[in-house]
Amino acid sequence: MEFVEMAKMTSKGQVTVPSLIREILRLEKGSLVVFKITEKGISVLPGEVKEREPYSQKEWAKIGQLVTERGRVYRTSSGARKHIKAL
């Protein structure tokens, strides 16, 4: 599948994504767009923000061990992060 559409860039570097492309990529107001530069050219892809865990399972195990050993309880991940960095 190949579609070719053109758009003009404004003085502020903004480009309106043509309606056909917005429809195909399911882009709506506020959607993230990813620009990927390769040897073959530029790709424009719909982007997505996914929540991820602040720590790996191994790090959570270490935090649990520290809590058990030292009796400290962290109510936020930032508090635990500061403590781990201090170790």
C-alpha atoms as a PDB file:
ATOM      1  CA  MET A   1       0.000   0.000   0.000  1.00  0.00           C
ATOM      2  CA  GLU A   2       1.401   3.386  -0.910  1.00  0.00           C
ATOM      3  CA  PHE A   3      -0.127   6.837  -0.514  1.00  0.00           C
ATOM      4  CA  VAL A   4       1.507  10.116  -1.429  1.00  0.00           C
ATOM      5  CA  GLU A   5       0.237  13.338   0.098  1.00  0.00           C
ATOM      6  CA  MET A   6       1.877  16.747   0.356  1.00  0.00           C
ATOM      7  CA  ALA A   7       1.668  19.499   2.961  1.00  0.00           C
ATOM      8  CA  LYS A   8       3.351  22.873   3.317  1.00  0.00           C
ATOM      9  CA  MET A   9       5.357  23.728   6.437  1.00  0.00           C
ATOM     10  CA  THR A  10       4.552  26.978   8.241  1.00  0.00           C
ATOM     11  CA  SER A  11       7.144  29.465   9.454  1.00  0.00           C
ATOM     12  CA  LYS A  12       6.865  27.818  12.895  1.00  0.00           C
ATOM     13  CA  GLY A  13       7.782  24.392  11.479  1.00  0.00           C
ATOM     14  CA  GLN A  14       4.241  23.054  11.696  1.00  0.00           C
ATOM     15  CA  VAL A  15       2.711  20.767   9.088  1.00  0.00           C
ATOM     16  CA  THR A  16      -0.937  19.751   8.790  1.00  0.00           C
ATOM     17  CA  VAL A  17      -1.227  16.004   8.351  1.00  0.00           C
ATOM     18  CA  PRO A  18      -3.527  15.428   5.354  1.00  0.00           C
ATOM     19  CA  SER A  19      -6.969  14.070   6.282  1.00  0.00           C
ATOM     20  CA  LEU A  20      -6.496  10.790   4.371  1.00  0.00           C
ATOM     21  CA  ILE A  21      -3.280  10.086   6.310  1.00  0.00           C
ATOM     22  CA  ARG A  22      -4.939  11.056   9.617  1.00  0.00           C
ATOM     23  CA  GLU A  23      -7.758   8.656   8.837  1.00  0.00           C
ATOM     24  CA  ILE A  24      -5.446   5.759   7.919  1.00  0.00           C
ATOM     25  CA  LEU A  25      -3.260   6.274  11.007  1.00  0.00           C
ATOM     26  CA  ARG A  26      -6.303   6.970  13.215  1.00  0.00           C
ATOM     27  CA  LEU A  27      -4.816  10.251  14.392  1.00  0.00           C
ATOM     28  CA  GLU A  28      -7.009  12.574  16.429  1.00  0.00           C
ATOM     29  CA  LYS A  29      -6.461  15.868  18.214  1.00  0.00           C
ATOM     30  CA  GLY A  30      -3.707  15.294  20.786  1.00  0.00           C
ATOM     31  CA  SER A  31      -2.352  12.124  19.133  1.00  0.00           C
ATOM     32  CA  LEU A  32       1.384  11.566  19.282  1.00  0.00           C
ATOM     33  CA  VAL A  33       3.249  11.248  15.999  1.00  0.00           C
ATOM     34  CA  VAL A  34       6.667   9.583  15.670  1.00  0.00           C
ATOM     35  CA  PHE A  35       9.114  10.651  12.962  1.00  0.00           C
ATOM     36  CA  LYS A  36      11.687   7.983  12.094  1.00  0.00           C
ATOM     37  CA  ILE A  37      14.604   8.765   9.776  1.00  0.00           C
ATOM     38  CA  THR A  38      16.171   5.802   7.968  1.00  0.00           C
ATOM     39  CA  GLU A  39      18.405   5.304   4.958  1.00  0.00           C
ATOM     40  CA  LYS A  40      15.259   4.860   2.859  1.00  0.00           C
ATOM     41  CA  GLY A  41      13.652   8.125   3.993  1.00  0.00           C
ATOM     42  CA  ILE A  42      11.352   9.402   6.722  1.00  0.00           C
ATOM     43  CA  SER A  43       8.533   7.395   8.264  1.00  0.00           C
ATOM     44  CA  VAL A  44       5.643   8.998  10.118  1.00  0.00           C
ATOM     45  CA  LEU A  45       4.001   6.665  12.608  1.00  0.00           C
ATOM     46  CA  PRO A  46       1.292   6.991  15.234  1.00  0.00           C
ATOM     47  CA  GLY A  47       2.864   7.107  18.689  1.00  0.00           C
ATOM     48  CA  GLU A  48       1.647   5.763  21.987  1.00  0.00           C
ATOM     49  CA  VAL A  49       2.681   6.433  25.558  1.00  0.00           C
ATOM     50  CA  LYS A  50       2.630   3.357  27.737  1.00  0.00           C
ATOM     51  CA  GLU A  51       2.939   3.280  31.483  1.00  0.00           C
ATOM     52  CA  ARG A  52       5.914   1.319  32.680  1.00  0.00           C
ATOM     53  CA  GLU A  53       7.062   0.124  36.042  1.00  0.00           C
ATOM     54  CA  PRO A  54       9.614   2.437  37.678  1.00  0.00           C
ATOM     55  CA  TYR A  55      11.637  -0.578  38.851  1.00  0.00           C
ATOM     56  CA  SER A  56      12.428  -4.040  37.531  1.00  0.00           C
ATOM     57  CA  GLN A  57      11.400  -7.148  39.487  1.00  0.00           C
ATOM     58  CA  LYS A  58      14.992  -7.445  40.696  1.00  0.00           C
ATOM     59  CA  GLU A  59      14.975  -3.867  41.994  1.00  0.00           C
ATOM     60  CA  TRP A  60      11.628  -4.373  43.756  1.00  0.00           C
ATOM     61  CA  ALA A  61      13.086  -7.486  45.425  1.00  0.00           C
ATOM     62  CA  LYS A  62      16.045  -5.420  46.617  1.00  0.00           C
ATOM     63  CA  ILE A  63      13.701  -2.748  47.964  1.00  0.00           C
ATOM     64  CA  GLY A  64      11.699  -5.437  49.770  1.00  0.00           C
ATOM     65  CA  GLN A  65      14.877  -6.862  51.269  1.00  0.00           C
ATOM     66  CA  LEU A  66      16.004  -3.425  52.445  1.00  0.00           C
ATOM     67  CA  VAL A  67      12.624  -2.746  54.025  1.00  0.00           C
ATOM     68  CA  THR A  68      12.798  -6.055  55.855  1.00  0.00           C
ATOM     69  CA  GLU A  69      16.378  -5.482  57.020  1.00  0.00           C
ATOM     70  CA  ARG A  70      16.059  -1.854  58.040  1.00  0.00           C
ATOM     71  CA  GLY A  71      12.373  -1.582  58.800  1.00  0.00           C
ATOM     72  CA  ARG A  72      11.853   1.325  56.388  1.00  0.00           C
ATOM     73  CA  VAL A  73       8.592   1.819  54.554  1.00  0.00           C
ATOM     74  CA  TYR A  74       8.347   3.998  51.459  1.00  0.00           C
ATOM     75  CA  ARG A  75       5.011   5.478  50.533  1.00  0.00           C
ATOM     76  CA  THR A  76       6.204   6.712  47.126  1.00  0.00           C
ATOM     77  CA  SER A  77       8.510   5.355  44.459  1.00  0.00           C
ATOM     78  CA  SER A  78      10.547   8.580  44.569  1.00  0.00           C
ATOM     79  CA  GLY A  79      11.376   8.014  48.240  1.00  0.00           C
ATOM     80  CA  ALA A  80      12.494   4.458  47.536  1.00  0.00           C
ATOM     81  CA  ARG A  81      14.485   5.636  44.502  1.00  0.00           C
ATOM     82  CA  LYS A  82      16.369   8.222  46.604  1.00  0.00           C
ATOM     83  CA  HIS A  83      17.229   5.586  49.179  1.00  0.00           C
ATOM     84  CA  ILE A  84      18.483   3.106  46.577  1.00  0.00           C
ATOM     85  CA  LYS A  85      20.680   5.766  44.983  1.00  0.00           C
ATOM     86  CA  ALA A  86      22.168   6.524  48.389  1.00  0.00           C
ATOM     87  CA  LEU A  87      23.244   2.896  48.884  1.00  0.00           C
END
